[in-house]
Amino acid sequence: MSVRRTILILMEATRTPDKWQFGGLVTAADLRKTGVTRKRQAMLLARGELVAVSGGVLAPAAAYRELLAKPTGEALLGAAAALMTSAPGAVASHTTAAGIHRLDVLGRPPQRATITRPPGSGSRSGKAGVLVHSAELPSGHVTQRNGLPVTTIARTVIDMARSSPFRAGVVTADSALRRNRTSKDELRAVLSYCRQWPGAKTAATVVEFADGLAESALESIARVLFRDLGFPPPELQAWIGDGNEEFRVDFRWRKYRTVAEVDGAVKYTELTADPAQRAIGQLRRDQFLRELGYEVVHFTWQDITRDPERVAAAVRLAFRRGSRVAPD
């Protein structure tokens, strides 16, 4: 029996109103119900006609390759496998949903798929490789991506903000706002529904702090560090010029005539792929800003994440030089 024939038989034999299937994926148990023995499955796997996804879920090789080729294919496959062996009503959520929606996540996403079940729909202990949350899932908080049930972008941002450290929540929230995938009003609406849930207070702080002008995860965590160090909020993506020429900077504290760049990126029209030319352009750009009376400081990912004392000292020194008055 061919894999194609096997899948067609399976889908007809197991089709019921509440039976959920995705992209040709099947469980090993359902295949056995249609007469495809473990030995036959092992042979199909060995021949490469079937692919083991995870948790006893299999996929025809062609369907597997097609799903994996999608921009969020890996997240889709992991979520689909988790949902196929979960209780009805579960959806992909948290970091898995963020991956499906292509939102930024701080750090390396966990290898486990993350799903949310409605309360009372089953044990919170998922199968190996699956992290299970239990929470209400009103219809307005659930959508579909490639046929897969997943929390909406706004709900995903709030879930991430509730369950992650503050700066990780900010990274995801900033990226959703930056890409115009949600709005503060939508985030506040979801938060209002979840206001009594664990982590809601932290999520509320994330929502108010989030800013779609932050252009990268590094800019997001830099903003959090500046806040933690007690610095006043900087302007983001500020343009500075003399009437003839202008440049855009990551952060500006106008009062202290200080500019901060957290990635060394050169934001000028003569951007080039040539590293030497980029370096020359950055030097020219910094000189231009300093001639206008600005102090310019640059920070790397290492500085922001591993050496906050250096960041604090450099910004305070720039503040003093830029304004001759120490910051509050």
Protein backbone atom coordinates (compact mmCIF):
# COMPACT_ATOMS: atom_id res chain seq x y z
CA MET A 1 0.00 0.00 0.00
CA SER A 2 1.44 3.40 -0.94
CA VAL A 3 1.79 6.16 1.61
CA ARG A 4 -0.66 8.28 -0.36
CA ARG A 5 -3.23 5.47 -0.27
CA THR A 6 -2.56 4.89 3.42
CA ILE A 7 -3.18 8.55 4.27
CA LEU A 8 -6.39 8.66 2.21
CA ILE A 9 -7.71 5.56 3.95
CA LEU A 10 -6.73 6.97 7.32
CA MET A 11 -8.44 10.32 6.76
CA GLU A 12 -11.66 8.62 5.71
CA ALA A 13 -11.55 6.00 8.46
CA THR A 14 -10.85 8.45 11.28
CA ARG A 15 -12.81 11.48 10.06
CA THR A 16 -15.28 12.69 12.70
CA PRO A 17 -16.63 16.18 13.45
CA ASP A 18 -14.14 16.67 16.29
CA LYS A 19 -11.14 14.92 14.70
CA TRP A 20 -8.49 17.49 13.91
CA GLN A 21 -5.86 16.87 11.25
CA PHE A 22 -3.15 19.04 9.78
CA GLY A 23 -1.15 18.87 6.58
CA GLY A 24 -1.35 15.10 6.18
CA LEU A 25 0.17 14.45 9.62
CA VAL A 26 -1.07 11.30 11.34
CA THR A 27 -0.43 9.53 14.60
CA ALA A 28 1.18 6.12 14.68
CA ALA A 29 -1.78 4.91 16.73
CA ASP A 30 -4.30 6.02 14.09
CA LEU A 31 -2.27 4.35 11.38
CA ARG A 32 -2.39 1.09 13.31
CA LYS A 33 -6.19 1.41 13.53
CA THR A 34 -6.33 1.29 9.74
CA GLY A 35 -4.19 -1.86 9.62
CA VAL A 36 -0.78 -0.29 9.09
CA THR A 37 1.25 -2.29 11.57
CA ARG A 38 4.27 -1.10 13.49
CA LYS A 39 6.42 -3.24 11.19
CA ARG A 40 4.88 -1.60 8.11
CA GLN A 41 5.37 1.87 9.63
CA ALA A 42 9.01 1.06 10.38
CA MET A 43 9.51 -0.03 6.77
CA LEU A 44 7.92 3.19 5.44
CA LEU A 45 10.12 5.24 7.79
CA ALA A 46 13.23 3.35 6.69
CA ARG A 47 12.36 3.96 3.04
CA GLY A 48 11.89 7.66 3.72
CA GLU A 49 8.24 7.64 2.67
CA LEU A 50 7.17 8.57 6.19
CA VAL A 51 8.95 10.99 8.54
CA ALA A 52 8.72 10.89 12.33
CA VAL A 53 7.83 14.39 13.50
CA SER A 54 7.61 13.95 17.30
CA GLY A 55 5.53 12.33 20.00
CA GLY A 56 4.31 9.48 17.82
CA VAL A 57 3.22 11.77 14.99
CA LEU A 58 4.23 10.89 11.43
CA ALA A 59 4.07 12.73 8.12
CA PRO A 60 4.30 11.73 4.48
CA ALA A 61 7.74 12.84 3.31
CA ALA A 62 6.37 15.22 0.67
CA ALA A 63 4.00 16.90 3.14
CA TYR A 64 6.80 17.16 5.69
CA ARG A 65 9.12 18.88 3.21
CA GLU A 66 6.35 21.23 2.10
CA LEU A 67 5.57 22.28 5.66
CA LEU A 68 9.21 22.63 6.63
CA ALA A 69 9.81 24.92 3.64
CA LYS A 70 7.33 27.48 4.96
CA PRO A 71 8.82 30.53 6.73
CA THR A 72 7.56 29.20 10.08
CA GLY A 73 7.57 25.53 9.10
CA GLU A 74 9.54 24.20 12.06
CA ALA A 75 7.23 25.90 14.56
CA LEU A 76 4.17 24.72 12.62
CA LEU A 77 5.33 21.12 12.61
CA GLY A 78 6.15 21.11 16.32
CA ALA A 79 2.83 22.69 17.23
CA ALA A 80 0.85 20.40 14.94
CA ALA A 81 2.43 17.30 16.44
CA ALA A 82 1.69 18.53 19.96
CA LEU A 83 -1.91 19.43 19.16
CA MET A 84 -2.66 16.15 17.41
CA THR A 85 -2.00 14.26 20.63
CA SER A 86 -3.61 16.83 22.93
CA ALA A 87 -7.15 17.20 24.23
CA PRO A 88 -9.66 19.02 21.97
CA GLY A 89 -9.64 22.80 22.18
CA ALA A 90 -5.90 23.21 22.67
CA VAL A 91 -3.99 25.79 20.60
CA ALA A 92 -0.35 26.68 19.95
CA SER A 93 0.71 29.45 22.30
CA HIS A 94 3.56 31.36 23.95
CA THR A 95 6.97 30.87 22.27
CA THR A 96 5.53 28.44 19.71
CA ALA A 97 2.86 30.95 18.72
CA ALA A 98 5.49 33.70 18.61
CA GLY A 99 7.50 31.57 16.18
CA ILE A 100 4.46 30.94 14.00
CA HIS A 101 3.63 34.66 13.96
CA ARG A 102 7.31 35.51 13.29
CA LEU A 103 7.67 37.65 16.40
CA ASP A 104 11.02 38.22 18.06
CA VAL A 105 11.83 36.06 21.08
CA LEU A 106 14.75 36.80 23.38
CA GLY A 107 17.20 33.93 23.48
CA ARG A 108 16.94 30.62 21.71
CA PRO A 109 13.36 29.33 21.52
CA PRO A 110 12.86 26.15 23.55
CA GLN A 111 12.89 22.87 21.70
CA ARG A 112 9.55 21.93 23.24
CA ALA A 113 6.33 22.97 21.58
CA THR A 114 4.09 25.11 23.79
CA ILE A 115 0.31 24.77 23.80
CA THR A 116 -2.56 26.08 25.91
CA ARG A 117 -5.58 23.99 26.88
CA PRO A 118 -8.88 25.30 28.22
CA PRO A 119 -9.24 24.61 31.96
CA GLY A 120 -10.58 21.15 32.68
CA SER A 121 -9.74 19.76 29.25
CA GLY A 122 -6.99 17.46 30.45
CA SER A 123 -3.89 17.13 32.57
CA ARG A 124 -1.37 19.96 32.50
CA SER A 125 1.41 17.42 32.11
CA GLY A 126 1.93 17.07 28.37
CA LYS A 127 3.87 14.43 26.52
CA ALA A 128 7.62 14.61 26.33
CA GLY A 129 8.65 17.59 24.25
CA VAL A 130 5.42 19.52 24.93
CA LEU A 131 4.93 22.33 27.45
CA VAL A 132 1.27 22.66 28.42
CA HIS A 133 -0.47 25.73 29.89
CA SER A 134 -4.04 25.81 31.13
CA ALA A 135 -5.98 29.03 30.58
CA GLU A 136 -9.22 30.33 29.10
CA LEU A 137 -9.24 30.72 25.33
CA PRO A 138 -12.09 33.02 24.28
CA SER A 139 -12.76 32.98 20.54
CA GLY A 140 -11.30 36.47 20.12
CA HIS A 141 -7.96 35.22 21.40
CA VAL A 142 -7.63 32.38 18.87
CA THR A 143 -6.88 32.47 15.16
CA GLN A 144 -5.43 30.12 12.53
CA ARG A 145 -2.14 30.07 10.66
CA ASN A 146 -1.87 27.58 7.80
CA GLY A 147 -4.89 25.81 9.27
CA LEU A 148 -3.30 25.52 12.70
CA PRO A 149 -5.15 26.90 15.78
CA VAL A 150 -2.93 29.43 17.51
CA THR A 151 -3.33 32.32 19.91
CA THR A 152 -3.72 35.72 18.23
CA ILE A 153 -0.74 38.03 18.08
CA ALA A 154 -2.12 40.21 20.86
CA ARG A 155 -2.82 37.22 23.11
CA THR A 156 0.61 35.77 22.29
CA VAL A 157 2.31 39.02 23.31
CA ILE A 158 0.39 39.11 26.59
CA ASP A 159 1.10 35.43 27.32
CA MET A 160 4.80 36.00 26.67
CA ALA A 161 4.80 39.11 28.85
CA ARG A 162 3.02 37.25 31.67
CA SER A 163 5.33 34.26 31.67
CA SER A 164 8.74 35.73 30.76
CA PRO A 165 11.23 38.13 32.36
CA PHE A 166 10.36 41.77 31.70
CA ARG A 167 12.94 42.39 29.00
CA ALA A 168 11.93 39.23 27.11
CA GLY A 169 8.33 40.42 27.13
CA VAL A 170 9.45 43.80 25.81
CA VAL A 171 11.38 42.19 22.94
CA THR A 172 8.27 40.34 21.75
CA ALA A 173 5.91 43.28 22.30
CA ASP A 174 8.21 45.73 20.49
CA SER A 175 8.51 43.43 17.49
CA ALA A 176 4.72 43.01 17.22
CA LEU A 177 4.19 46.77 17.34
CA ARG A 178 7.10 47.48 14.98
CA ARG A 179 5.59 45.22 12.31
CA ASN A 180 2.11 46.68 12.85
CA ARG A 181 0.85 43.21 13.76
CA THR A 182 -1.06 44.53 16.76
CA SER A 183 -1.69 47.79 18.62
CA LYS A 184 -1.54 48.99 22.19
CA ASP A 185 -5.34 49.10 22.27
CA GLU A 186 -5.53 45.43 21.24
CA LEU A 187 -2.93 44.50 23.83
CA ARG A 188 -4.80 46.39 26.54
CA ALA A 189 -8.05 44.67 25.54
CA VAL A 190 -6.50 41.21 25.96
CA LEU A 191 -4.84 42.31 29.18
CA SER A 192 -8.19 43.48 30.54
CA TYR A 193 -9.57 39.97 30.06
CA CYS A 194 -6.49 38.45 31.73
CA ARG A 195 -6.10 41.03 34.49
CA GLN A 196 -6.52 38.50 37.33
CA TRP A 197 -4.13 35.94 35.81
CA PRO A 198 -0.61 35.25 37.07
CA GLY A 199 1.91 37.70 35.62
CA ALA A 200 -0.73 40.23 34.52
CA LYS A 201 0.93 43.05 36.47
CA THR A 202 4.24 42.49 34.69
CA ALA A 203 2.42 42.24 31.35
CA ALA A 204 0.71 45.59 31.99
CA THR A 205 4.11 47.20 32.56
CA VAL A 206 5.43 45.61 29.36
CA VAL A 207 2.50 46.94 27.32
CA GLU A 208 2.97 50.51 28.52
CA PHE A 209 6.75 50.36 28.03
CA ALA A 210 6.62 48.72 24.59
CA ASP A 211 7.52 50.87 21.60
CA GLY A 212 7.30 49.90 17.94
CA LEU A 213 10.13 52.30 17.09
CA ALA A 214 12.64 49.85 18.57
CA GLU A 215 14.13 48.25 15.45
CA SER A 216 15.72 45.14 16.93
CA ALA A 217 15.82 42.91 19.98
CA LEU A 218 19.07 44.62 20.96
CA GLU A 219 17.44 48.04 20.91
CA SER A 220 14.59 46.63 23.02
CA ILE A 221 16.83 45.24 25.75
CA ALA A 222 18.97 48.38 25.66
CA ARG A 223 15.84 50.41 26.44
CA VAL A 224 15.16 48.14 29.39
CA LEU A 225 18.73 48.54 30.63
CA PHE A 226 18.54 52.34 30.34
CA ARG A 227 15.34 52.22 32.41
CA ASP A 228 16.91 49.93 35.01
CA LEU A 229 19.90 52.27 35.29
CA GLY A 230 17.57 55.15 36.05
CA PHE A 231 18.18 57.12 32.84
CA PRO A 232 15.36 59.21 31.41
CA PRO A 233 13.60 57.68 28.39
CA PRO A 234 15.49 58.52 25.19
CA GLU A 235 13.96 59.46 21.85
CA LEU A 236 14.01 56.51 19.45
CA GLN A 237 15.06 56.77 15.79
CA ALA A 238 15.73 60.49 16.08
CA TRP A 239 16.92 62.48 13.07
CA ILE A 240 19.75 64.95 13.65
CA GLY A 241 21.01 67.37 11.01
CA ASP A 242 22.27 70.83 10.15
CA GLY A 243 19.85 71.70 7.36
CA ASN A 244 22.05 70.21 4.67
CA GLU A 245 22.62 66.71 5.97
CA GLU A 246 20.98 64.55 8.62
CA PHE A 247 21.40 61.14 10.17
CA ARG A 248 19.09 58.85 12.12
CA VAL A 249 20.29 57.58 15.49
CA ASP A 250 19.05 54.78 17.68
CA PHE A 251 18.68 56.86 20.84
CA ARG A 252 18.94 60.53 21.68
CA TRP A 253 18.75 62.33 25.01
CA ARG A 254 18.14 65.85 23.79
CA LYS A 255 18.59 67.45 27.23
CA TYR A 256 22.05 65.94 27.58
CA ARG A 257 22.98 66.22 23.91
CA THR A 258 23.89 62.54 23.89
CA VAL A 259 23.41 59.90 21.20
CA ALA A 260 23.65 56.14 21.73
CA GLU A 261 24.00 53.48 19.07
CA VAL A 262 23.61 49.92 20.30
CA ASP A 263 24.63 47.94 17.25
CA GLY A 264 27.11 50.12 15.42
CA ALA A 265 24.75 50.16 12.43
CA VAL A 266 25.41 53.03 10.04
CA LYS A 267 22.23 54.91 9.26
CA TYR A 268 23.14 57.07 6.31
CA THR A 269 22.23 57.06 2.66
CA GLU A 270 25.65 55.93 1.44
CA LEU A 271 25.28 52.53 3.18
CA THR A 272 27.54 49.99 1.50
CA ALA A 273 28.35 46.33 1.85
CA ASP A 274 32.06 47.11 1.95
CA PRO A 275 33.20 46.85 5.61
CA ALA A 276 35.97 49.41 5.09
CA GLN A 277 33.54 51.89 3.57
CA ARG A 278 31.07 51.27 6.38
CA ALA A 279 33.74 51.99 8.96
CA ILE A 280 34.72 55.20 7.18
CA GLY A 281 31.07 56.19 6.94
CA GLN A 282 30.50 55.59 10.63
CA LEU A 283 33.55 57.66 11.59
CA ARG A 284 32.33 60.47 9.36
CA ARG A 285 28.86 60.23 10.82
CA ASP A 286 30.11 60.32 14.42
CA GLN A 287 32.33 63.30 13.61
CA PHE A 288 29.34 65.12 12.09
CA LEU A 289 27.25 64.52 15.24
CA ARG A 290 30.06 65.64 17.51
CA GLU A 291 30.53 68.80 15.47
CA LEU A 292 26.88 69.53 16.22
CA GLY A 293 27.69 69.27 19.92
CA TYR A 294 26.54 65.69 20.58
CA GLU A 295 28.33 63.08 22.62
CA VAL A 296 28.22 59.71 20.80
CA VAL A 297 28.51 56.32 22.51
CA HIS A 298 28.37 52.87 20.93
CA PHE A 299 27.41 49.60 22.61
CA THR A 300 27.47 45.99 21.50
CA TRP A 301 25.25 43.08 22.48
CA GLN A 302 28.02 41.99 24.84
CA ASP A 303 28.04 45.40 26.54
CA ILE A 304 24.28 45.50 27.01
CA THR A 305 23.90 41.93 28.24
CA ARG A 306 27.18 41.33 30.09
CA ASP A 307 28.65 44.69 31.12
CA PRO A 308 25.92 47.09 32.26
CA GLU A 309 28.42 48.92 34.47
CA ARG A 310 30.35 49.99 31.37
CA VAL A 311 27.14 51.16 29.74
CA ALA A 312 26.16 53.13 32.83
CA ALA A 313 29.57 54.79 33.13
CA ALA A 314 29.76 55.68 29.44
CA VAL A 315 26.28 57.22 29.34
CA ARG A 316 26.80 59.20 32.55
CA LEU A 317 30.10 60.55 31.23
CA ALA A 318 28.43 61.51 27.95
CA PHE A 319 25.63 63.24 29.86
CA ARG A 320 28.15 65.28 31.84
CA ARG A 321 30.12 66.24 28.77
CA GLY A 322 27.04 66.97 26.70
CA SER A 323 25.28 69.19 29.18
CA ARG A 324 27.92 69.93 31.84
CA VAL A 325 25.17 68.95 34.30
CA ALA A 326 24.92 65.51 35.87
CA PRO A 327 21.61 63.72 35.22
CA ASP A 328 19.05 63.43 37.97
